[in-house]
């Protein structure tokens, strides 16, 4: 694994974290609408 491999894995993990946080925010927003 060279430098390109490290960079790819770093960007992949970062994008995954951003996606998870985005999904969590969306779920919380939906729950805020549904729950009284």
C-alpha atoms as a PDB file:
ATOM      1  CA  UNK A   1       0.000   0.000   0.000  1.00  0.00           C
ATOM      2  CA  UNK A   2       1.586   3.251  -1.126  1.00  0.00           C
ATOM      3  CA  UNK A   3       0.785   6.878  -0.510  1.00  0.00           C
ATOM      4  CA  UNK A   4      -2.152   6.728  -2.925  1.00  0.00           C
ATOM      5  CA  UNK A   5      -3.577   3.812  -0.942  1.00  0.00           C
ATOM      6  CA  UNK A   6      -3.330   5.733   2.320  1.00  0.00           C
ATOM      7  CA  UNK A   7      -4.944   8.788   0.774  1.00  0.00           C
ATOM      8  CA  UNK A   8      -7.756   6.692  -0.686  1.00  0.00           C
ATOM      9  CA  UNK A   9      -8.460   4.959   2.627  1.00  0.00           C
ATOM     10  CA  UNK A  10      -8.368   8.310   4.463  1.00  0.00           C
ATOM     11  CA  UNK A  11     -10.848   9.901   2.063  1.00  0.00           C
ATOM     12  CA  UNK A  12     -13.040   6.785   2.195  1.00  0.00           C
ATOM     13  CA  UNK A  13     -13.214   6.785   6.006  1.00  0.00           C
ATOM     14  CA  UNK A  14     -13.810  10.534   6.081  1.00  0.00           C
ATOM     15  CA  UNK A  15     -16.611  10.288   3.526  1.00  0.00           C
ATOM     16  CA  UNK A  16     -18.133   7.377   5.444  1.00  0.00           C
ATOM     17  CA  UNK A  17     -18.163   9.395   8.682  1.00  0.00           C
ATOM     18  CA  UNK A  18     -19.759  12.349   6.904  1.00  0.00           C
ATOM     19  CA  UNK A  19     -22.403  10.033   5.409  1.00  0.00           C
ATOM     20  CA  UNK A  20     -23.175   8.466   8.798  1.00  0.00           C
ATOM     21  CA  UNK A  21     -23.487  11.872  10.483  1.00  0.00           C
ATOM     22  CA  UNK A  22     -25.732  13.072   7.642  1.00  0.00           C
ATOM     23  CA  UNK A  23     -27.975  10.026   7.946  1.00  0.00           C
ATOM     24  CA  UNK A  24     -28.152  10.431  11.730  1.00  0.00           C
ATOM     25  CA  UNK A  25     -29.141  14.092  11.360  1.00  0.00           C
ATOM     26  CA  UNK A  26     -31.848  13.113   8.871  1.00  0.00           C
ATOM     27  CA  UNK A  27     -33.248  10.436  11.182  1.00  0.00           C
ATOM     28  CA  UNK A  28     -33.313  12.858  14.119  1.00  0.00           C
ATOM     29  CA  UNK A  29     -35.131  15.438  11.992  1.00  0.00           C
ATOM     30  CA  UNK A  30     -37.754  12.890  10.929  1.00  0.00           C
ATOM     31  CA  UNK A  31     -38.229  11.773  14.525  1.00  0.00           C
ATOM     32  CA  UNK A  32     -38.628  15.421  15.526  1.00  0.00           C
ATOM     33  CA  UNK A  33     -41.469  15.708  13.015  1.00  0.00           C
ATOM     34  CA  UNK A  34     -43.185  12.438  13.960  1.00  0.00           C
ATOM     35  CA  UNK A  35     -42.908  12.614  17.734  1.00  0.00           C
ATOM     36  CA  UNK A  36     -45.115  15.145  19.525  1.00  0.00           C
END
